[in-house]
PDB file of all heavy atoms in Angstrom:
ATOM      1  N   TRP A   1      28.740 -24.732 -88.228  1.00  0.00           N
ATOM      2  CA  TRP A   1      27.667 -25.605 -87.825  1.00  0.00           C
ATOM      3  C   TRP A   1      27.642 -25.850 -86.286  1.00  0.00           C
ATOM      4  O   TRP A   1      26.596 -26.075 -85.713  1.00  0.00           O
ATOM      5  CB  TRP A   1      27.744 -26.970 -88.491  1.00  0.00           C
ATOM      6  CG  TRP A   1      28.962 -27.707 -88.144  1.00  0.00           C
ATOM      7  CD1 TRP A   1      30.187 -27.791 -88.795  1.00  0.00           C
ATOM      8  CD2 TRP A   1      29.207 -28.614 -87.018  1.00  0.00           C
ATOM      9  NE1 TRP A   1      31.105 -28.538 -88.188  1.00  0.00           N
ATOM     10  CE2 TRP A   1      30.476 -29.129 -87.064  1.00  0.00           C
ATOM     11  CE3 TRP A   1      28.314 -29.017 -85.987  1.00  0.00           C
ATOM     12  CZ2 TRP A   1      30.970 -29.971 -86.156  1.00  0.00           C
ATOM     13  CZ3 TRP A   1      28.783 -29.912 -85.090  1.00  0.00           C
ATOM     14  CH2 TRP A   1      30.133 -30.368 -85.102  1.00  0.00           C
ATOM     15  N   LEU A   2      28.797 -25.773 -85.626  1.00  0.00           N
ATOM     16  CA  LEU A   2      28.911 -26.024 -84.239  1.00  0.00           C
ATOM     17  C   LEU A   2      28.164 -24.944 -83.369  1.00  0.00           C
ATOM     18  O   LEU A   2      27.354 -25.261 -82.573  1.00  0.00           O
ATOM     19  CB  LEU A   2      30.277 -26.191 -83.738  1.00  0.00           C
ATOM     20  CG  LEU A   2      30.533 -26.523 -82.257  1.00  0.00           C
ATOM     21  CD1 LEU A   2      29.748 -27.779 -81.887  1.00  0.00           C
ATOM     22  CD2 LEU A   2      32.045 -26.656 -81.991  1.00  0.00           C
ATOM     23  N   PRO A   3      28.543 -23.623 -83.548  1.00  0.00           N
ATOM     24  CA  PRO A   3      27.747 -22.610 -82.800  1.00  0.00           C
ATOM     25  C   PRO A   3      26.289 -22.651 -83.203  1.00  0.00           C
ATOM     26  O   PRO A   3      25.423 -22.385 -82.273  1.00  0.00           O
ATOM     27  CB  PRO A   3      28.438 -21.316 -83.247  1.00  0.00           C
ATOM     28  CG  PRO A   3      29.777 -21.680 -83.750  1.00  0.00           C
ATOM     29  CD  PRO A   3      29.670 -23.065 -84.352  1.00  0.00           C
ATOM     30  N   SER A   4      25.961 -22.965 -84.421  1.00  0.00           N
ATOM     31  CA  SER A   4      24.496 -23.076 -84.852  1.00  0.00           C
ATOM     32  C   SER A   4      23.833 -24.185 -84.051  1.00  0.00           C
ATOM     33  O   SER A   4      22.675 -24.045 -83.687  1.00  0.00           O
ATOM     34  CB  SER A   4      24.350 -23.253 -86.351  1.00  0.00           C
ATOM     35  OG  SER A   4      24.974 -22.167 -87.004  1.00  0.00           O
ATOM     36  N   ALA A   5      24.464 -25.326 -83.971  1.00  0.00           N
ATOM     37  CA  ALA A   5      23.948 -26.448 -83.205  1.00  0.00           C
ATOM     38  C   ALA A   5      23.778 -26.101 -81.741  1.00  0.00           C
ATOM     39  O   ALA A   5      22.770 -26.524 -81.082  1.00  0.00           O
ATOM     40  CB  ALA A   5      24.855 -27.660 -83.334  1.00  0.00           C
ATOM     41  N   ILE A   6      24.694 -25.363 -81.179  1.00  0.00           N
ATOM     42  CA  ILE A   6      24.567 -24.916 -79.782  1.00  0.00           C
ATOM     43  C   ILE A   6      23.348 -23.995 -79.674  1.00  0.00           C
ATOM     44  O   ILE A   6      22.581 -24.019 -78.676  1.00  0.00           O
ATOM     45  CB  ILE A   6      25.860 -24.156 -79.315  1.00  0.00           C
ATOM     46  CG1 ILE A   6      27.037 -25.134 -79.241  1.00  0.00           C
ATOM     47  CG2 ILE A   6      25.628 -23.413 -78.032  1.00  0.00           C
ATOM     48  CD1 ILE A   6      28.335 -24.502 -78.949  1.00  0.00           C
ATOM     49  N   TYR A   7      23.141 -23.109 -80.656  1.00  0.00           N
ATOM     50  CA  TYR A   7      22.018 -22.247 -80.574  1.00  0.00           C
ATOM     51  C   TYR A   7      20.645 -23.037 -80.673  1.00  0.00           C
ATOM     52  O   TYR A   7      19.705 -22.693 -80.006  1.00  0.00           O
ATOM     53  CB  TYR A   7      22.047 -21.196 -81.716  1.00  0.00           C
ATOM     54  CG  TYR A   7      20.843 -20.265 -81.795  1.00  0.00           C
ATOM     55  CD1 TYR A   7      20.739 -19.138 -80.999  1.00  0.00           C
ATOM     56  CD2 TYR A   7      19.780 -20.612 -82.633  1.00  0.00           C
ATOM     57  CE1 TYR A   7      19.606 -18.374 -81.059  1.00  0.00           C
ATOM     58  CE2 TYR A   7      18.705 -19.840 -82.780  1.00  0.00           C
ATOM     59  CZ  TYR A   7      18.597 -18.691 -81.943  1.00  0.00           C
ATOM     60  OH  TYR A   7      17.489 -17.886 -82.005  1.00  0.00           O
ATOM     61  N   LEU A   8      20.658 -23.989 -81.591  1.00  0.00           N
ATOM     62  CA  LEU A   8      19.392 -24.775 -81.773  1.00  0.00           C
ATOM     63  C   LEU A   8      18.910 -25.546 -80.569  1.00  0.00           C
ATOM     64  O   LEU A   8      17.818 -25.997 -80.589  1.00  0.00           O
ATOM     65  CB  LEU A   8      19.533 -25.679 -82.982  1.00  0.00           C
ATOM     66  CG  LEU A   8      19.671 -25.003 -84.344  1.00  0.00           C
ATOM     67  CD1 LEU A   8      19.934 -26.019 -85.451  1.00  0.00           C
ATOM     68  CD2 LEU A   8      18.419 -24.164 -84.677  1.00  0.00           C
ATOM     69  N   ALA A   9      19.788 -25.675 -79.621  1.00  0.00           N
ATOM     70  CA  ALA A   9      19.393 -26.351 -78.390  1.00  0.00           C
ATOM     71  C   ALA A   9      18.411 -25.450 -77.562  1.00  0.00           C
ATOM     72  O   ALA A   9      17.970 -25.870 -76.531  1.00  0.00           O
ATOM     73  CB  ALA A   9      20.590 -26.673 -77.529  1.00  0.00           C
ATOM     74  N   ILE A  10      18.048 -24.282 -78.105  1.00  0.00           N
ATOM     75  CA  ILE A  10      17.084 -23.430 -77.444  1.00  0.00           C
ATOM     76  C   ILE A  10      15.695 -24.088 -77.285  1.00  0.00           C
ATOM     77  O   ILE A  10      15.025 -23.888 -76.272  1.00  0.00           O
ATOM     78  CB  ILE A  10      16.963 -22.152 -78.205  1.00  0.00           C
ATOM     79  CG1 ILE A  10      16.122 -21.053 -77.409  1.00  0.00           C
ATOM     80  CG2 ILE A  10      16.332 -22.296 -79.528  1.00  0.00           C
ATOM     81  CD1 ILE A  10      16.149 -19.685 -77.961  1.00  0.00           C
ATOM     82  N   PHE A  11      15.347 -24.970 -78.207  1.00  0.00           N
ATOM     83  CA  PHE A  11      14.053 -25.689 -78.098  1.00  0.00           C
ATOM     84  C   PHE A  11      14.111 -26.615 -76.934  1.00  0.00           C
ATOM     85  O   PHE A  11      13.109 -26.773 -76.179  1.00  0.00           O
ATOM     86  CB  PHE A  11      13.819 -26.458 -79.390  1.00  0.00           C
ATOM     87  CG  PHE A  11      13.527 -25.582 -80.594  1.00  0.00           C
ATOM     88  CD1 PHE A  11      14.543 -25.297 -81.475  1.00  0.00           C
ATOM     89  CD2 PHE A  11      12.301 -25.051 -80.799  1.00  0.00           C
ATOM     90  CE1 PHE A  11      14.288 -24.486 -82.559  1.00  0.00           C
ATOM     91  CE2 PHE A  11      12.028 -24.238 -81.858  1.00  0.00           C
ATOM     92  CZ  PHE A  11      13.045 -23.924 -82.749  1.00  0.00           C
ATOM     93  N   THR A  12      15.208 -27.333 -76.735  1.00  0.00           N
ATOM     94  CA  THR A  12      15.347 -28.233 -75.583  1.00  0.00           C
ATOM     95  C   THR A  12      15.297 -27.391 -74.283  1.00  0.00           C
ATOM     96  O   THR A  12      14.612 -27.805 -73.280  1.00  0.00           O
ATOM     97  CB  THR A  12      16.676 -28.974 -75.628  1.00  0.00           C
ATOM     98  OG1 THR A  12      16.749 -29.735 -76.836  1.00  0.00           O
ATOM     99  CG2 THR A  12      16.837 -29.903 -74.478  1.00  0.00           C
ATOM    100  N   SER A  13      15.946 -26.269 -74.284  1.00  0.00           N
ATOM    101  CA  SER A  13      15.945 -25.386 -73.040  1.00  0.00           C
ATOM    102  C   SER A  13      14.571 -24.892 -72.750  1.00  0.00           C
ATOM    103  O   SER A  13      14.138 -24.869 -71.589  1.00  0.00           O
ATOM    104  CB  SER A  13      16.938 -24.231 -73.299  1.00  0.00           C
ATOM    105  OG  SER A  13      17.101 -23.498 -72.059  1.00  0.00           O
ATOM    106  N   ILE A  14      13.813 -24.518 -73.776  1.00  0.00           N
ATOM    107  CA  ILE A  14      12.494 -23.917 -73.583  1.00  0.00           C
ATOM    108  C   ILE A  14      11.548 -25.022 -73.046  1.00  0.00           C
ATOM    109  O   ILE A  14      10.823 -24.797 -72.031  1.00  0.00           O
ATOM    110  CB  ILE A  14      11.960 -23.328 -74.897  1.00  0.00           C
ATOM    111  CG1 ILE A  14      12.690 -22.063 -75.230  1.00  0.00           C
ATOM    112  CG2 ILE A  14      10.434 -23.069 -74.822  1.00  0.00           C
ATOM    113  CD1 ILE A  14      12.369 -21.557 -76.642  1.00  0.00           C
ATOM    114  N   PHE A  15      11.551 -26.208 -73.639  1.00  0.00           N
ATOM    115  CA  PHE A  15      10.638 -27.241 -73.215  1.00  0.00           C
ATOM    116  C   PHE A  15      10.893 -27.642 -71.772  1.00  0.00           C
ATOM    117  O   PHE A  15       9.964 -27.715 -70.933  1.00  0.00           O
ATOM    118  CB  PHE A  15      10.866 -28.432 -74.156  1.00  0.00           C
ATOM    119  CG  PHE A  15      10.025 -29.630 -73.776  1.00  0.00           C
ATOM    120  CD1 PHE A  15       8.677 -29.629 -74.062  1.00  0.00           C
ATOM    121  CD2 PHE A  15      10.593 -30.762 -73.131  1.00  0.00           C
ATOM    122  CE1 PHE A  15       7.882 -30.689 -73.800  1.00  0.00           C
ATOM    123  CE2 PHE A  15       9.766 -31.822 -72.795  1.00  0.00           C
ATOM    124  CZ  PHE A  15       8.408 -31.790 -73.140  1.00  0.00           C
ATOM    125  N   ASN A  16      12.180 -27.805 -71.377  1.00  0.00           N
ATOM    126  CA  ASN A  16      12.428 -28.288 -70.021  1.00  0.00           C
ATOM    127  C   ASN A  16      12.295 -27.095 -69.051  1.00  0.00           C
ATOM    128  O   ASN A  16      11.965 -27.378 -67.857  1.00  0.00           O
ATOM    129  CB  ASN A  16      13.863 -28.762 -69.928  1.00  0.00           C
ATOM    130  CG  ASN A  16      14.048 -30.141 -70.656  1.00  0.00           C
ATOM    131  OD1 ASN A  16      13.651 -31.195 -69.993  1.00  0.00           O
ATOM    132  ND2 ASN A  16      14.443 -30.119 -71.865  1.00  0.00           N
ATOM    133  N   MET A  17      12.521 -25.874 -69.400  1.00  0.00           N
ATOM    134  CA  MET A  17      12.178 -24.675 -68.588  1.00  0.00           C
ATOM    135  C   MET A  17      10.747 -24.617 -68.312  1.00  0.00           C
ATOM    136  O   MET A  17      10.335 -24.245 -67.209  1.00  0.00           O
ATOM    137  CB  MET A  17      12.707 -23.447 -69.181  1.00  0.00           C
ATOM    138  CG  MET A  17      12.559 -22.224 -68.361  1.00  0.00           C
ATOM    139  SD  MET A  17      13.576 -22.215 -66.883  1.00  0.00           S
ATOM    140  CE  MET A  17      15.258 -22.174 -67.574  1.00  0.00           C
ATOM    141  N   THR A  18       9.861 -24.923 -69.309  1.00  0.00           N
ATOM    142  CA  THR A  18       8.473 -25.011 -69.119  1.00  0.00           C
ATOM    143  C   THR A  18       8.088 -26.003 -68.014  1.00  0.00           C
ATOM    144  O   THR A  18       7.305 -25.728 -67.088  1.00  0.00           O
ATOM    145  CB  THR A  18       7.712 -25.375 -70.370  1.00  0.00           C
ATOM    146  OG1 THR A  18       8.112 -24.429 -71.400  1.00  0.00           O
ATOM    147  CG2 THR A  18       6.258 -25.367 -70.204  1.00  0.00           C
ATOM    148  N   LEU A  19       8.647 -27.228 -68.126  1.00  0.00           N
ATOM    149  CA  LEU A  19       8.472 -28.241 -66.989  1.00  0.00           C
ATOM    150  C   LEU A  19       8.909 -27.744 -65.670  1.00  0.00           C
ATOM    151  O   LEU A  19       8.182 -27.984 -64.666  1.00  0.00           O
ATOM    152  CB  LEU A  19       9.173 -29.526 -67.449  1.00  0.00           C
ATOM    153  CG  LEU A  19       8.730 -30.145 -68.759  1.00  0.00           C
ATOM    154  CD1 LEU A  19       9.451 -31.502 -68.932  1.00  0.00           C
ATOM    155  CD2 LEU A  19       7.174 -30.422 -68.829  1.00  0.00           C
ATOM    156  N   MET A  20      10.039 -27.044 -65.594  1.00  0.00           N
ATOM    157  CA  MET A  20      10.507 -26.585 -64.365  1.00  0.00           C
ATOM    158  C   MET A  20       9.569 -25.528 -63.702  1.00  0.00           C
ATOM    159  O   MET A  20       9.234 -25.604 -62.504  1.00  0.00           O
ATOM    160  CB  MET A  20      11.897 -25.931 -64.478  1.00  0.00           C
ATOM    161  CG  MET A  20      13.040 -26.913 -64.699  1.00  0.00           C
ATOM    162  SD  MET A  20      14.651 -26.097 -64.879  1.00  0.00           S
ATOM    163  CE  MET A  20      14.751 -25.216 -63.319  1.00  0.00           C
ATOM    164  N   ILE A  21       9.085 -24.636 -64.497  1.00  0.00           N
ATOM    165  CA  ILE A  21       8.156 -23.565 -64.042  1.00  0.00           C
ATOM    166  C   ILE A  21       6.843 -24.204 -63.555  1.00  0.00           C
ATOM    167  O   ILE A  21       6.283 -23.833 -62.449  1.00  0.00           O
ATOM    168  CB  ILE A  21       7.895 -22.489 -65.143  1.00  0.00           C
ATOM    169  CG1 ILE A  21       9.205 -21.746 -65.427  1.00  0.00           C
ATOM    170  CG2 ILE A  21       6.853 -21.518 -64.686  1.00  0.00           C
ATOM    171  CD1 ILE A  21       9.113 -20.789 -66.550  1.00  0.00           C
ATOM    172  N   GLU A  22       6.321 -25.140 -64.307  1.00  0.00           N
ATOM    173  CA  GLU A  22       5.089 -25.797 -63.903  1.00  0.00           C
ATOM    174  C   GLU A  22       5.291 -26.531 -62.587  1.00  0.00           C
ATOM    175  O   GLU A  22       4.410 -26.486 -61.661  1.00  0.00           O
ATOM    176  CB  GLU A  22       4.674 -26.835 -64.986  1.00  0.00           C
ATOM    177  CG  GLU A  22       4.181 -26.144 -66.317  1.00  0.00           C
ATOM    178  CD  GLU A  22       3.868 -27.190 -67.362  1.00  0.00           C
ATOM    179  OE1 GLU A  22       4.106 -28.375 -67.122  1.00  0.00           O
ATOM    180  OE2 GLU A  22       3.451 -26.796 -68.419  1.00  0.00           O
ATOM    181  N   CYS A  23       6.446 -27.160 -62.464  1.00  0.00           N
ATOM    182  CA  CYS A  23       6.724 -27.946 -61.203  1.00  0.00           C
ATOM    183  C   CYS A  23       6.848 -27.006 -60.017  1.00  0.00           C
ATOM    184  O   CYS A  23       6.368 -27.267 -58.890  1.00  0.00           O
ATOM    185  CB  CYS A  23       7.945 -28.812 -61.409  1.00  0.00           C
ATOM    186  SG  CYS A  23       8.384 -29.862 -60.042  1.00  0.00           S
ATOM    187  N   ILE A  24       7.602 -25.891 -60.210  1.00  0.00           N
ATOM    188  CA  ILE A  24       7.900 -24.973 -59.153  1.00  0.00           C
ATOM    189  C   ILE A  24       6.638 -24.233 -58.688  1.00  0.00           C
ATOM    190  O   ILE A  24       6.297 -24.113 -57.428  1.00  0.00           O
ATOM    191  CB  ILE A  24       8.979 -23.946 -59.517  1.00  0.00           C
ATOM    192  CG1 ILE A  24      10.314 -24.706 -59.713  1.00  0.00           C
ATOM    193  CG2 ILE A  24       9.101 -22.842 -58.465  1.00  0.00           C
ATOM    194  CD1 ILE A  24      11.367 -23.788 -60.332  1.00  0.00           C
ATOM    195  N   VAL A  25       5.774 -23.787 -59.640  1.00  0.00           N
ATOM    196  CA  VAL A  25       4.677 -22.909 -59.326  1.00  0.00           C
ATOM    197  C   VAL A  25       3.409 -23.697 -59.000  1.00  0.00           C
ATOM    198  O   VAL A  25       2.733 -23.280 -58.005  1.00  0.00           O
ATOM    199  CB  VAL A  25       4.427 -21.939 -60.474  1.00  0.00           C
ATOM    200  CG1 VAL A  25       3.258 -20.997 -60.234  1.00  0.00           C
ATOM    201  CG2 VAL A  25       5.646 -21.122 -60.802  1.00  0.00           C
ATOM    202  N   TYR A  26       3.068 -24.676 -59.735  1.00  0.00           N
ATOM    203  CA  TYR A  26       1.763 -25.323 -59.607  1.00  0.00           C
ATOM    204  C   TYR A  26       1.757 -26.600 -58.850  1.00  0.00           C
ATOM    205  O   TYR A  26       0.703 -27.002 -58.378  1.00  0.00           O
ATOM    206  CB  TYR A  26       1.199 -25.498 -61.031  1.00  0.00           C
ATOM    207  CG  TYR A  26       0.892 -24.174 -61.721  1.00  0.00           C
ATOM    208  CD1 TYR A  26       1.778 -23.753 -62.670  1.00  0.00           C
ATOM    209  CD2 TYR A  26      -0.267 -23.442 -61.413  1.00  0.00           C
ATOM    210  CE1 TYR A  26       1.566 -22.489 -63.300  1.00  0.00           C
ATOM    211  CE2 TYR A  26      -0.499 -22.239 -62.084  1.00  0.00           C
ATOM    212  CZ  TYR A  26       0.368 -21.784 -63.011  1.00  0.00           C
ATOM    213  OH  TYR A  26       0.100 -20.541 -63.649  1.00  0.00           O
ATOM    214  N   ALA A  27       2.851 -27.353 -58.826  1.00  0.00           N
ATOM    215  CA  ALA A  27       2.787 -28.726 -58.232  1.00  0.00           C
ATOM    216  C   ALA A  27       2.639 -28.601 -56.746  1.00  0.00           C
ATOM    217  O   ALA A  27       3.129 -27.670 -56.099  1.00  0.00           O
ATOM    218  CB  ALA A  27       4.046 -29.473 -58.620  1.00  0.00           C
ATOM    219  N   ALA A  28       1.988 -29.672 -56.193  1.00  0.00           N
ATOM    220  CA  ALA A  28       1.731 -29.685 -54.758  1.00  0.00           C
ATOM    221  C   ALA A  28       2.689 -30.558 -54.016  1.00  0.00           C
ATOM    222  O   ALA A  28       2.569 -30.826 -52.803  1.00  0.00           O
ATOM    223  CB  ALA A  28       0.291 -30.155 -54.528  1.00  0.00           C
ATOM    224  N   ASP A  29       3.748 -31.026 -54.647  1.00  0.00           N
ATOM    225  CA  ASP A  29       4.785 -31.916 -54.029  1.00  0.00           C
ATOM    226  C   ASP A  29       5.528 -31.087 -52.976  1.00  0.00           C
ATOM    227  O   ASP A  29       5.587 -29.885 -52.962  1.00  0.00           O
ATOM    228  CB  ASP A  29       5.761 -32.457 -55.047  1.00  0.00           C
ATOM    229  CG  ASP A  29       5.052 -33.303 -56.133  1.00  0.00           C
ATOM    230  OD1 ASP A  29       4.341 -32.670 -57.011  1.00  0.00           O
ATOM    231  OD2 ASP A  29       5.187 -34.510 -56.096  1.00  0.00           O
ATOM    232  N   GLU A  30       6.189 -31.825 -52.137  1.00  0.00           N
ATOM    233  CA  GLU A  30       7.087 -31.232 -51.143  1.00  0.00           C
ATOM    234  C   GLU A  30       8.336 -30.628 -51.817  1.00  0.00           C
ATOM    235  O   GLU A  30       8.679 -31.036 -52.978  1.00  0.00           O
ATOM    236  CB  GLU A  30       7.554 -32.316 -50.153  1.00  0.00           C
ATOM    237  CG  GLU A  30       6.422 -32.875 -49.222  1.00  0.00           C
ATOM    238  CD  GLU A  30       5.826 -31.819 -48.350  1.00  0.00           C
ATOM    239  OE1 GLU A  30       6.568 -30.935 -47.926  1.00  0.00           O
ATOM    240  OE2 GLU A  30       4.647 -32.013 -47.945  1.00  0.00           O
ATOM    241  N   ILE A  31       8.913 -29.717 -51.182  1.00  0.00           N
ATOM    242  CA  ILE A  31      10.072 -28.957 -51.743  1.00  0.00           C
ATOM    243  C   ILE A  31      11.185 -29.956 -52.121  1.00  0.00           C
ATOM    244  O   ILE A  31      11.812 -29.880 -53.123  1.00  0.00           O
ATOM    245  CB  ILE A  31      10.527 -27.827 -50.842  1.00  0.00           C
ATOM    246  CG1 ILE A  31       9.461 -26.822 -50.675  1.00  0.00           C
ATOM    247  CG2 ILE A  31      11.792 -27.189 -51.381  1.00  0.00           C
ATOM    248  CD1 ILE A  31       9.870 -25.646 -49.785  1.00  0.00           C
ATOM    249  N   GLU A  32      11.442 -30.916 -51.163  1.00  0.00           N
ATOM    250  CA  GLU A  32      12.495 -31.883 -51.377  1.00  0.00           C
ATOM    251  C   GLU A  32      12.229 -32.707 -52.657  1.00  0.00           C
ATOM    252  O   GLU A  32      13.156 -32.974 -53.398  1.00  0.00           O
ATOM    253  CB  GLU A  32      12.668 -32.762 -50.171  1.00  0.00           C
ATOM    254  CG  GLU A  32      13.233 -32.086 -48.900  1.00  0.00           C
ATOM    255  CD  GLU A  32      12.054 -31.372 -48.140  1.00  0.00           C
ATOM    256  OE1 GLU A  32      10.908 -31.421 -48.587  1.00  0.00           O
ATOM    257  OE2 GLU A  32      12.377 -30.668 -47.120  1.00  0.00           O
ATOM    258  N   ASN A  33      10.977 -33.102 -52.782  1.00  0.00           N
ATOM    259  CA  ASN A  33      10.618 -33.877 -53.953  1.00  0.00           C
ATOM    260  C   ASN A  33      10.725 -33.032 -55.292  1.00  0.00           C
ATOM    261  O   ASN A  33      11.166 -33.554 -56.299  1.00  0.00           O
ATOM    262  CB  ASN A  33       9.162 -34.392 -53.856  1.00  0.00           C
ATOM    263  CG  ASN A  33       9.026 -35.403 -52.724  1.00  0.00           C
ATOM    264  OD1 ASN A  33      10.037 -36.078 -52.353  1.00  0.00           O
ATOM    265  ND2 ASN A  33       7.847 -35.560 -52.210  1.00  0.00           N
ATOM    266  N   LYS A  34      10.404 -31.774 -55.192  1.00  0.00           N
ATOM    267  CA  LYS A  34      10.499 -30.925 -56.348  1.00  0.00           C
ATOM    268  C   LYS A  34      11.982 -30.797 -56.817  1.00  0.00           C
ATOM    269  O   LYS A  34      12.280 -30.891 -58.006  1.00  0.00           O
ATOM    270  CB  LYS A  34       9.955 -29.536 -56.065  1.00  0.00           C
ATOM    271  CG  LYS A  34       8.409 -29.488 -55.975  1.00  0.00           C
ATOM    272  CD  LYS A  34       7.953 -28.031 -55.840  1.00  0.00           C
ATOM    273  CE  LYS A  34       6.453 -27.901 -55.783  1.00  0.00           C
ATOM    274  NZ  LYS A  34       5.959 -26.487 -55.676  1.00  0.00           N
ATOM    275  N   VAL A  35      12.819 -30.595 -55.812  1.00  0.00           N
ATOM    276  CA  VAL A  35      14.246 -30.404 -56.154  1.00  0.00           C
ATOM    277  C   VAL A  35      14.869 -31.716 -56.760  1.00  0.00           C
ATOM    278  O   VAL A  35      15.565 -31.655 -57.729  1.00  0.00           O
ATOM    279  CB  VAL A  35      15.032 -30.034 -54.808  1.00  0.00           C
ATOM    280  CG1 VAL A  35      16.563 -30.107 -55.119  1.00  0.00           C
ATOM    281  CG2 VAL A  35      14.653 -28.711 -54.355  1.00  0.00           C
ATOM    282  N   TYR A  36      14.417 -32.881 -56.213  1.00  0.00           N
ATOM    283  CA  TYR A  36      14.884 -34.105 -56.661  1.00  0.00           C
ATOM    284  C   TYR A  36      14.382 -34.359 -58.137  1.00  0.00           C
ATOM    285  O   TYR A  36      15.186 -34.767 -58.974  1.00  0.00           O
ATOM    286  CB  TYR A  36      14.454 -35.249 -55.789  1.00  0.00           C
ATOM    287  CG  TYR A  36      14.746 -36.639 -56.430  1.00  0.00           C
ATOM    288  CD1 TYR A  36      15.995 -37.185 -56.519  1.00  0.00           C
ATOM    289  CD2 TYR A  36      13.579 -37.335 -56.899  1.00  0.00           C
ATOM    290  CE1 TYR A  36      16.150 -38.441 -57.132  1.00  0.00           C
ATOM    291  CE2 TYR A  36      13.761 -38.519 -57.539  1.00  0.00           C
ATOM    292  CZ  TYR A  36      15.056 -39.132 -57.570  1.00  0.00           C
ATOM    293  OH  TYR A  36      15.229 -40.321 -58.212  1.00  0.00           O
ATOM    294  N   ILE A  37      13.103 -34.111 -58.294  1.00  0.00           N
ATOM    295  CA  ILE A  37      12.495 -34.396 -59.664  1.00  0.00           C
ATOM    296  C   ILE A  37      13.126 -33.530 -60.730  1.00  0.00           C
ATOM    297  O   ILE A  37      13.404 -33.886 -61.815  1.00  0.00           O
ATOM    298  CB  ILE A  37      10.986 -34.210 -59.582  1.00  0.00           C
ATOM    299  CG1 ILE A  37      10.321 -35.270 -58.686  1.00  0.00           C
ATOM    300  CG2 ILE A  37      10.353 -34.249 -60.932  1.00  0.00           C
ATOM    301  CD1 ILE A  37       8.864 -35.079 -58.396  1.00  0.00           C
ATOM    302  N   MET A  38      13.308 -32.180 -60.381  1.00  0.00           N
ATOM    303  CA  MET A  38      13.936 -31.245 -61.373  1.00  0.00           C
ATOM    304  C   MET A  38      15.329 -31.607 -61.700  1.00  0.00           C
ATOM    305  O   MET A  38      15.727 -31.609 -62.893  1.00  0.00           O
ATOM    306  CB  MET A  38      13.814 -29.812 -60.843  1.00  0.00           C
ATOM    307  CG  MET A  38      12.365 -29.269 -60.930  1.00  0.00           C
ATOM    308  SD  MET A  38      12.279 -27.514 -60.548  1.00  0.00           S
ATOM    309  CE  MET A  38      12.779 -27.500 -58.887  1.00  0.00           C
ATOM    310  N   SER A  39      16.139 -31.917 -60.653  1.00  0.00           N
ATOM    311  CA  SER A  39      17.549 -32.246 -60.967  1.00  0.00           C
ATOM    312  C   SER A  39      17.636 -33.551 -61.613  1.00  0.00           C
ATOM    313  O   SER A  39      18.565 -33.798 -62.424  1.00  0.00           O
ATOM    314  CB  SER A  39      18.336 -32.325 -59.633  1.00  0.00           C
ATOM    315  OG  SER A  39      17.771 -33.345 -58.758  1.00  0.00           O
ATOM    316  N   ASP A  40      16.691 -34.530 -61.437  1.00  0.00           N
ATOM    317  CA  ASP A  40      16.666 -35.800 -62.049  1.00  0.00           C
ATOM    318  C   ASP A  40      16.166 -35.750 -63.576  1.00  0.00           C
ATOM    319  O   ASP A  40      16.536 -36.597 -64.310  1.00  0.00           O
ATOM    320  CB  ASP A  40      15.843 -36.774 -61.312  1.00  0.00           C
ATOM    321  CG  ASP A  40      15.866 -38.136 -61.850  1.00  0.00           C
ATOM    322  OD1 ASP A  40      17.011 -38.696 -61.798  1.00  0.00           O
ATOM    323  OD2 ASP A  40      14.829 -38.680 -62.267  1.00  0.00           O
ATOM    324  N   GLY A  41      15.452 -34.643 -63.824  1.00  0.00           N
ATOM    325  CA  GLY A  41      14.878 -34.681 -65.222  1.00  0.00           C
ATOM    326  C   GLY A  41      15.173 -33.499 -66.032  1.00  0.00           C
ATOM    327  O   GLY A  41      15.809 -33.638 -67.065  1.00  0.00           O
ATOM    328  N   CYS A  42      14.755 -32.293 -65.660  1.00  0.00           N
ATOM    329  CA  CYS A  42      14.732 -31.193 -66.601  1.00  0.00           C
ATOM    330  C   CYS A  42      15.766 -30.051 -66.237  1.00  0.00           C
ATOM    331  O   CYS A  42      15.832 -29.078 -67.035  1.00  0.00           O
ATOM    332  CB  CYS A  42      13.312 -30.502 -66.632  1.00  0.00           C
ATOM    333  SG  CYS A  42      12.620 -30.104 -65.015  1.00  0.00           S
ATOM    334  N   LEU A  43      16.417 -30.104 -65.123  1.00  0.00           N
ATOM    335  CA  LEU A  43      17.409 -29.002 -64.816  1.00  0.00           C
ATOM    336  C   LEU A  43      18.505 -28.925 -65.802  1.00  0.00           C
ATOM    337  O   LEU A  43      18.802 -27.847 -66.312  1.00  0.00           O
ATOM    338  CB  LEU A  43      17.889 -29.248 -63.380  1.00  0.00           C
ATOM    339  CG  LEU A  43      18.927 -28.153 -62.881  1.00  0.00           C
ATOM    340  CD1 LEU A  43      18.257 -26.799 -62.909  1.00  0.00           C
ATOM    341  CD2 LEU A  43      19.475 -28.488 -61.565  1.00  0.00           C
TER     342      LEU A  43
END
């Protein structure tokens, strides 16, 4: 069950990776703000 639980975290990884790509590519924030927001939330 433990390796399976590690694998199932793929949904968490996908969701937060989506937020990271949206923030990096489309957001108009400053680079410093992007780095802080991503490390504070979805990295």
